[in-house]
Amino acid sequence: MKVLTESLKYKDMKEQVTPILGIDEFKSRIGNDSDIIVLNFIVASSAVGNDLVDWLERGYDWVIDAEISPGEVLDKKFYVFAEMNRRSTAPRRIMEVLEDLFTLTDIKAEDWEISIDNEKHPASQEFLEKAMLLSPMKYKQSMEGELNEWRERAGLKTVPLYDELDQDLLNFQRQAGIR
């Protein structure tokens, strides 16, 4: 195991980070999942994890919180979680992190895989823009749509989705600047 010092040096995390970034595979610890995107990295040790947490929190003002899993999770590996606001800027910011990580990991951004809904895809801003739920409203609509599918299968009444709201209410919300 590589011992990391207090200050990270070029390629200090080489062969210590698995090039798979999970998105929204875990629940937010600090807010509603509709408002927060949870990123998860896989690292080889708690020392690497703590360094990555520190690097993320100090390097990006848009990272709301970062932490390492309390114990080993995958064959002596740890997760590092980073939380950010669910916004249209998220794909660009995620790719920025992956590009910047090259200096520590020697992994090029295009060599990363993105895991969304248990499916892995090559990392790219274009893919993230298409695959991610980038607004709280779209996230809520997606979750409510899934619940309605289950309700329908169970023979229960479905509930209206956000996009099925009364047009007068939508116009009022737009005039108030909340939509």
Protein backbone atom coordinates (compact mmCIF):
# COMPACT_ATOMS: atom_id res chain seq x y z
CA MET A 1 0.00 0.00 0.00
CA LYS A 2 1.28 3.44 -0.95
CA VAL A 3 1.53 5.88 1.95
CA LEU A 4 0.41 9.38 1.05
CA THR A 5 1.92 12.45 2.62
CA GLU A 6 0.06 15.56 3.75
CA SER A 7 0.58 17.35 0.44
CA LEU A 8 -0.40 15.49 -2.68
CA LYS A 9 2.16 15.21 -5.41
CA TYR A 10 1.85 14.48 -9.10
CA LYS A 11 0.39 10.97 -9.60
CA ASP A 12 0.30 10.19 -5.87
CA MET A 13 -2.91 8.21 -6.40
CA LYS A 14 -1.69 6.18 -9.37
CA GLU A 15 -3.29 2.71 -9.25
CA GLN A 16 -5.19 3.74 -6.11
CA VAL A 17 -8.47 4.89 -7.70
CA THR A 18 -10.78 2.69 -9.78
CA PRO A 19 -11.83 4.60 -12.94
CA ILE A 20 -15.57 4.17 -12.36
CA LEU A 21 -17.65 7.13 -11.18
CA GLY A 22 -21.08 6.33 -9.78
CA ILE A 23 -23.80 8.93 -10.07
CA ASP A 24 -26.91 8.93 -7.88
CA GLU A 25 -26.27 5.37 -6.73
CA PHE A 26 -26.51 6.49 -3.09
CA LYS A 27 -28.86 8.76 -1.14
CA SER A 28 -27.80 12.24 -0.18
CA ARG A 29 -26.71 12.65 3.41
CA ILE A 30 -27.20 16.40 3.49
CA GLY A 31 -30.40 17.11 1.57
CA ASN A 32 -33.18 15.82 -0.65
CA ASP A 33 -32.13 13.56 -3.50
CA SER A 34 -34.17 15.75 -5.82
CA ASP A 35 -31.82 18.66 -5.02
CA ILE A 36 -28.47 16.87 -4.60
CA ILE A 37 -26.38 14.70 -6.92
CA VAL A 38 -24.24 12.11 -5.15
CA LEU A 39 -21.01 11.06 -6.86
CA ASN A 40 -19.10 8.03 -5.63
CA PHE A 41 -15.51 7.04 -6.32
CA ILE A 42 -13.80 3.76 -5.39
CA VAL A 43 -10.39 4.03 -3.72
CA ALA A 44 -7.86 1.46 -2.50
CA SER A 45 -7.46 2.64 1.09
CA SER A 46 -8.79 4.98 3.74
CA ALA A 47 -5.64 7.13 3.42
CA VAL A 48 -6.28 7.66 -0.30
CA GLY A 49 -9.96 8.25 0.45
CA ASN A 50 -9.21 10.91 3.04
CA ASP A 51 -6.82 12.65 0.65
CA LEU A 52 -9.41 12.58 -2.13
CA VAL A 53 -12.09 13.98 0.21
CA ASP A 54 -9.76 16.82 1.17
CA TRP A 55 -8.81 17.45 -2.47
CA LEU A 56 -12.48 17.60 -3.57
CA GLU A 57 -13.57 19.88 -0.74
CA ARG A 58 -10.65 22.29 -1.11
CA GLY A 59 -10.53 22.27 -4.90
CA TYR A 60 -14.15 22.82 -5.88
CA ASP A 61 -16.38 25.39 -4.21
CA TRP A 62 -19.44 23.68 -5.71
CA VAL A 63 -18.76 20.41 -3.84
CA ILE A 64 -21.14 20.81 -0.92
CA ASP A 65 -19.78 17.87 1.06
CA ALA A 66 -17.39 14.97 0.60
CA GLU A 67 -16.69 12.01 2.85
CA ILE A 68 -15.22 8.54 2.87
CA SER A 69 -17.25 5.44 3.71
CA PRO A 70 -16.83 4.47 7.37
CA GLY A 71 -15.40 1.07 6.47
CA GLU A 72 -14.37 -1.18 3.62
CA VAL A 73 -17.12 -1.77 1.11
CA LEU A 74 -15.69 -3.69 -1.84
CA ASP A 75 -12.87 -6.18 -1.37
CA LYS A 76 -10.79 -3.94 0.92
CA LYS A 77 -11.79 -0.78 -0.96
CA PHE A 78 -13.57 2.35 0.20
CA TYR A 79 -16.07 4.74 -1.32
CA VAL A 80 -15.55 8.47 -1.46
CA PHE A 81 -18.79 10.42 -1.78
CA ALA A 82 -19.10 13.95 -3.11
CA GLU A 83 -22.36 15.87 -3.13
CA MET A 84 -23.27 18.75 -5.41
CA ASN A 85 -26.40 20.66 -6.38
CA ARG A 86 -28.60 19.13 -9.07
CA ARG A 87 -28.12 21.73 -11.81
CA SER A 88 -27.52 21.91 -15.56
CA THR A 89 -23.85 22.73 -14.86
CA ALA A 90 -23.25 19.31 -13.25
CA PRO A 91 -22.02 17.45 -16.38
CA ARG A 92 -19.38 20.10 -17.09
CA ARG A 93 -18.25 20.12 -13.47
CA ILE A 94 -18.06 16.34 -13.26
CA MET A 95 -15.90 16.19 -16.37
CA GLU A 96 -13.71 18.95 -14.90
CA VAL A 97 -13.07 16.76 -11.84
CA LEU A 98 -12.23 13.74 -13.98
CA GLU A 99 -9.85 15.81 -16.11
CA ASP A 100 -8.19 17.28 -13.02
CA LEU A 101 -7.84 13.85 -11.40
CA PHE A 102 -5.41 12.90 -14.16
CA THR A 103 -2.66 14.75 -12.29
CA LEU A 104 -3.18 12.48 -9.27
CA THR A 105 -4.28 9.19 -10.81
CA ASP A 106 -2.75 9.07 -14.29
CA ILE A 107 -6.24 8.21 -15.58
CA LYS A 108 -7.40 10.28 -18.53
CA ALA A 109 -10.97 11.60 -18.39
CA GLU A 110 -11.94 9.55 -21.44
CA ASP A 111 -10.73 6.36 -19.69
CA TRP A 112 -13.28 6.76 -16.89
CA GLU A 113 -16.61 4.96 -16.92
CA ILE A 114 -19.81 6.50 -15.59
CA SER A 115 -22.18 4.21 -13.70
CA ILE A 116 -25.81 5.32 -13.78
CA ASP A 117 -28.67 2.95 -12.97
CA ASN A 118 -26.16 0.07 -12.72
CA GLU A 119 -25.06 0.56 -16.33
CA LYS A 120 -21.57 1.69 -17.25
CA HIS A 121 -20.88 4.14 -20.06
CA PRO A 122 -17.78 5.99 -21.31
CA ALA A 123 -17.35 9.33 -19.59
CA SER A 124 -18.29 12.37 -21.66
CA GLN A 125 -20.12 15.60 -21.04
CA GLU A 126 -22.57 14.79 -23.82
CA PHE A 127 -23.50 11.46 -22.23
CA LEU A 128 -23.94 13.06 -18.81
CA GLU A 129 -26.18 15.79 -20.24
CA LYS A 130 -28.46 13.12 -21.75
CA ALA A 131 -28.40 10.55 -18.95
CA MET A 132 -28.55 12.65 -15.79
CA LEU A 133 -31.59 14.20 -14.19
CA LEU A 134 -30.31 17.77 -14.01
CA SER A 135 -33.15 19.61 -12.32
CA PRO A 136 -35.03 18.93 -9.09
CA MET A 137 -38.33 18.94 -11.01
CA LYS A 138 -37.16 16.33 -13.54
CA TYR A 139 -35.87 14.17 -10.70
CA LYS A 140 -39.22 14.37 -8.88
CA GLN A 141 -41.11 13.62 -12.10
CA SER A 142 -38.96 10.58 -12.74
CA MET A 143 -39.39 9.23 -9.23
CA GLU A 144 -43.15 9.86 -9.22
CA GLY A 145 -43.43 8.20 -12.64
CA GLU A 146 -41.74 5.06 -11.29
CA LEU A 147 -44.05 5.05 -8.27
CA ASN A 148 -47.08 5.39 -10.54
CA GLU A 149 -45.96 2.32 -12.50
CA TRP A 150 -45.90 0.33 -9.26
CA ARG A 151 -49.24 1.77 -8.16
CA GLU A 152 -50.80 0.80 -11.49
CA ARG A 153 -49.43 -2.75 -11.28
CA ALA A 154 -50.84 -3.04 -7.76
CA GLY A 155 -54.24 -1.80 -8.92
CA LEU A 156 -53.94 1.42 -6.95
CA LYS A 157 -54.85 4.93 -8.05
CA THR A 158 -51.99 6.85 -9.65
CA VAL A 159 -51.20 10.43 -8.69
CA PRO A 160 -50.79 13.35 -11.10
CA LEU A 161 -47.26 14.10 -12.21
CA TYR A 162 -45.77 17.56 -12.01
CA ASP A 163 -46.09 18.08 -15.75
CA GLU A 164 -49.82 17.32 -15.47
CA LEU A 165 -50.45 20.31 -13.20
CA ASP A 166 -53.26 22.70 -13.97
CA GLN A 167 -52.24 25.28 -16.61
CA ASP A 168 -53.56 28.15 -14.47
CA LEU A 169 -51.36 27.02 -11.59
CA LEU A 170 -48.34 26.73 -13.90
CA ASN A 171 -48.92 30.24 -15.26
CA PHE A 172 -49.26 31.61 -11.73
CA GLN A 173 -46.01 29.92 -10.69
CA ARG A 174 -44.20 31.34 -13.73
CA GLN A 175 -45.46 34.84 -12.99
CA ALA A 176 -44.25 34.48 -9.40
CA GLY A 177 -40.83 33.43 -10.70
CA ILE A 178 -40.86 30.00 -9.06
CA ARG A 179 -40.94 28.04 -12.30
